[in-house]
């Protein structure tokens, strides 16, 4: 998962500081998530999926489809 969130951040030309501000955490905490030193809480994982317009399953390598699931009607 760490590689996927780092790649998404870099592909979108964002810094760890920009993402940490969006998530309302410190840059150090975010860097721990990217490096795998800490597990990402579900709440933050959900925010990252929403931010990148993808699914949590994509972030967790449960699928390689970046497109999010369709919303329920």
N, C-alpha and C. Protein backbone atom coordinates (compact mmCIF):
# COMPACT_ATOMS: atom_id res chain seq x y z
N UNK A 1 0.83 -1.19 0.00
CA UNK A 1 0.00 0.00 0.00
C UNK A 1 0.87 1.25 0.00
N UNK A 2 1.98 1.19 0.71
CA UNK A 2 2.84 2.38 0.81
C UNK A 2 3.29 2.85 -0.57
N UNK A 3 3.67 1.89 -1.42
CA UNK A 3 4.13 2.24 -2.75
C UNK A 3 3.02 2.91 -3.55
N UNK A 4 1.81 2.39 -3.41
CA UNK A 4 0.69 2.93 -4.18
C UNK A 4 0.38 4.36 -3.78
N UNK A 5 0.36 4.67 -2.48
CA UNK A 5 0.04 6.05 -2.10
C UNK A 5 1.18 7.00 -2.46
N UNK A 6 2.40 6.52 -2.41
CA UNK A 6 3.54 7.36 -2.83
C UNK A 6 3.46 7.62 -4.33
N UNK A 7 3.18 6.58 -5.12
CA UNK A 7 3.09 6.75 -6.57
C UNK A 7 1.95 7.69 -6.96
N UNK A 8 0.81 7.55 -6.30
CA UNK A 8 -0.31 8.45 -6.59
C UNK A 8 0.07 9.90 -6.27
N UNK A 9 0.73 10.10 -5.14
CA UNK A 9 1.15 11.45 -4.77
C UNK A 9 2.11 12.02 -5.79
N UNK A 10 3.11 11.23 -6.16
CA UNK A 10 4.10 11.71 -7.12
C UNK A 10 3.50 11.91 -8.51
N UNK A 11 2.60 11.02 -8.92
CA UNK A 11 1.94 11.16 -10.22
C UNK A 11 1.10 12.43 -10.30
N UNK A 12 0.64 12.90 -9.16
CA UNK A 12 -0.17 14.12 -9.11
C UNK A 12 0.65 15.35 -8.73
N UNK A 13 1.98 15.20 -8.75
CA UNK A 13 2.91 16.29 -8.45
C UNK A 13 2.60 16.98 -7.12
N UNK A 14 2.36 16.16 -6.10
CA UNK A 14 2.06 16.69 -4.77
C UNK A 14 3.21 16.37 -3.82
N UNK A 15 3.33 17.17 -2.79
CA UNK A 15 4.33 16.93 -1.76
C UNK A 15 3.68 16.26 -0.56
N UNK A 16 4.51 15.68 0.28
CA UNK A 16 3.98 15.10 1.51
C UNK A 16 3.34 16.19 2.37
N UNK A 17 3.88 17.37 2.34
CA UNK A 17 3.32 18.48 3.12
C UNK A 17 1.91 18.81 2.64
N UNK A 18 1.70 18.86 1.34
CA UNK A 18 0.37 19.17 0.81
C UNK A 18 -0.65 18.10 1.23
N UNK A 19 -0.25 16.84 1.14
CA UNK A 19 -1.16 15.75 1.53
C UNK A 19 -1.40 15.77 3.03
N UNK A 20 -0.38 16.02 3.81
CA UNK A 20 -0.55 16.03 5.27
C UNK A 20 -1.48 17.17 5.69
N UNK A 21 -1.43 18.30 5.01
CA UNK A 21 -2.36 19.40 5.32
C UNK A 21 -3.78 18.99 4.99
N UNK A 22 -3.99 18.34 3.86
CA UNK A 22 -5.32 17.87 3.47
C UNK A 22 -5.87 16.88 4.51
N UNK A 23 -5.00 16.00 4.98
CA UNK A 23 -5.41 14.98 5.95
C UNK A 23 -5.44 15.49 7.39
N UNK A 24 -4.90 16.70 7.59
CA UNK A 24 -4.82 17.33 8.92
C UNK A 24 -3.96 16.50 9.88
N UNK A 25 -2.80 16.11 9.37
CA UNK A 25 -1.81 15.39 10.17
C UNK A 25 -0.46 16.03 9.89
N UNK A 26 0.54 15.63 10.65
CA UNK A 26 1.88 16.17 10.40
C UNK A 26 2.51 15.51 9.19
N UNK A 27 3.49 16.19 8.62
CA UNK A 27 4.22 15.63 7.48
C UNK A 27 4.96 14.38 7.91
N UNK A 28 5.47 14.36 9.12
CA UNK A 28 6.19 13.20 9.62
C UNK A 28 5.27 11.98 9.70
N UNK A 29 4.05 12.19 10.22
CA UNK A 29 3.08 11.09 10.29
C UNK A 29 2.78 10.56 8.89
N UNK A 30 2.58 11.47 7.94
CA UNK A 30 2.31 11.03 6.57
C UNK A 30 3.49 10.25 6.00
N UNK A 31 4.70 10.71 6.28
CA UNK A 31 5.88 10.00 5.75
C UNK A 31 5.97 8.60 6.35
N UNK A 32 5.54 8.42 7.61
CA UNK A 32 5.52 7.09 8.22
C UNK A 32 4.53 6.18 7.50
N UNK A 33 3.40 6.72 7.06
CA UNK A 33 2.42 5.92 6.31
C UNK A 33 3.01 5.50 4.97
N UNK A 34 3.67 6.43 4.31
CA UNK A 34 4.26 6.12 3.00
C UNK A 34 5.40 5.12 3.10
N UNK A 35 6.14 5.17 4.17
CA UNK A 35 7.28 4.28 4.31
C UNK A 35 6.91 2.94 4.95
N UNK A 36 5.68 2.82 5.43
CA UNK A 36 5.23 1.58 6.04
C UNK A 36 5.61 1.45 7.50
N UNK A 37 6.11 2.53 8.10
CA UNK A 37 6.46 2.49 9.52
C UNK A 37 5.22 2.49 10.41
N UNK A 38 4.11 2.98 9.88
CA UNK A 38 2.84 3.00 10.59
C UNK A 38 1.74 2.56 9.64
N UNK A 39 0.71 1.93 10.20
CA UNK A 39 -0.47 1.58 9.41
C UNK A 39 -1.37 2.79 9.29
N UNK A 40 -1.99 2.95 8.14
CA UNK A 40 -2.88 4.08 7.92
C UNK A 40 -4.25 3.78 8.52
N UNK A 41 -4.75 4.66 9.39
CA UNK A 41 -6.10 4.45 9.93
C UNK A 41 -7.14 4.47 8.81
N UNK A 42 -8.21 3.72 9.01
CA UNK A 42 -9.25 3.60 8.00
C UNK A 42 -9.81 4.96 7.59
N UNK A 43 -9.98 5.85 8.54
CA UNK A 43 -10.51 7.19 8.24
C UNK A 43 -9.62 7.93 7.24
N UNK A 44 -8.31 7.85 7.43
CA UNK A 44 -7.38 8.52 6.52
C UNK A 44 -7.30 7.80 5.18
N UNK A 45 -7.39 6.49 5.22
CA UNK A 45 -7.39 5.72 3.98
C UNK A 45 -8.60 6.09 3.12
N UNK A 46 -9.73 6.27 3.77
CA UNK A 46 -10.96 6.68 3.08
C UNK A 46 -10.79 8.08 2.48
N UNK A 47 -10.19 8.99 3.23
CA UNK A 47 -9.95 10.35 2.72
C UNK A 47 -9.01 10.33 1.51
N UNK A 48 -7.99 9.48 1.56
CA UNK A 48 -7.07 9.38 0.43
C UNK A 48 -7.76 8.82 -0.80
N UNK A 49 -8.60 7.82 -0.61
CA UNK A 49 -9.35 7.25 -1.74
C UNK A 49 -10.26 8.31 -2.36
N UNK A 50 -10.94 9.08 -1.52
CA UNK A 50 -11.79 10.16 -2.04
C UNK A 50 -10.97 11.22 -2.76
N UNK A 51 -9.84 11.58 -2.18
CA UNK A 51 -8.98 12.61 -2.76
C UNK A 51 -8.50 12.21 -4.15
N UNK A 52 -8.07 10.95 -4.28
CA UNK A 52 -7.56 10.47 -5.57
C UNK A 52 -8.65 9.92 -6.48
N UNK A 53 -9.90 9.97 -6.01
CA UNK A 53 -11.04 9.47 -6.79
C UNK A 53 -10.82 8.01 -7.20
N UNK A 54 -10.51 7.21 -6.19
CA UNK A 54 -10.29 5.78 -6.39
C UNK A 54 -10.96 5.03 -5.25
N UNK A 55 -10.70 3.74 -5.16
CA UNK A 55 -11.29 2.95 -4.08
C UNK A 55 -10.22 2.57 -3.06
N UNK A 56 -10.68 2.25 -1.87
CA UNK A 56 -9.77 1.76 -0.85
C UNK A 56 -9.15 0.45 -1.31
N UNK A 57 -9.92 -0.35 -2.02
CA UNK A 57 -9.39 -1.62 -2.55
C UNK A 57 -8.19 -1.37 -3.45
N UNK A 58 -8.22 -0.30 -4.24
CA UNK A 58 -7.08 0.02 -5.10
C UNK A 58 -5.87 0.38 -4.23
N UNK A 59 -6.09 1.17 -3.21
CA UNK A 59 -4.98 1.57 -2.34
C UNK A 59 -4.39 0.37 -1.60
N UNK A 60 -5.21 -0.63 -1.32
CA UNK A 60 -4.77 -1.81 -0.59
C UNK A 60 -4.30 -2.95 -1.51
N UNK A 61 -4.20 -2.68 -2.80
CA UNK A 61 -3.78 -3.68 -3.80
C UNK A 61 -4.76 -4.85 -3.90
N UNK A 62 -6.02 -4.62 -3.58
CA UNK A 62 -7.03 -5.68 -3.75
C UNK A 62 -7.57 -5.68 -5.17
N UNK A 63 -7.29 -4.61 -5.90
CA UNK A 63 -7.64 -4.50 -7.31
C UNK A 63 -6.61 -3.61 -7.98
N UNK A 64 -6.46 -3.76 -9.29
CA UNK A 64 -5.59 -2.88 -10.05
C UNK A 64 -6.39 -1.86 -10.85
N UNK A 65 -7.70 -1.85 -10.64
CA UNK A 65 -8.58 -0.89 -11.31
C UNK A 65 -8.61 0.40 -10.49
N UNK A 66 -8.09 1.47 -11.07
CA UNK A 66 -8.02 2.73 -10.34
C UNK A 66 -9.38 3.43 -10.24
N UNK A 67 -10.24 3.15 -11.20
CA UNK A 67 -11.56 3.79 -11.23
C UNK A 67 -12.37 3.37 -10.00
N UNK A 68 -13.01 4.32 -9.32
CA UNK A 68 -13.78 3.96 -8.12
C UNK A 68 -15.04 3.17 -8.48
N UNK A 69 -15.58 2.51 -7.47
CA UNK A 69 -16.81 1.77 -7.67
C UNK A 69 -17.96 2.74 -7.93
N UNK A 70 -18.97 2.34 -8.71
CA UNK A 70 -20.11 3.23 -8.92
C UNK A 70 -20.89 3.42 -7.62
N UNK A 71 -21.46 4.59 -7.47
CA UNK A 71 -22.23 4.88 -6.26
C UNK A 71 -23.59 4.22 -6.33
N UNK A 72 -24.11 3.85 -5.18
CA UNK A 72 -25.43 3.24 -5.13
C UNK A 72 -26.49 4.29 -5.47
N UNK A 73 -27.56 3.83 -6.10
CA UNK A 73 -28.64 4.76 -6.48
C UNK A 73 -29.62 4.90 -5.35
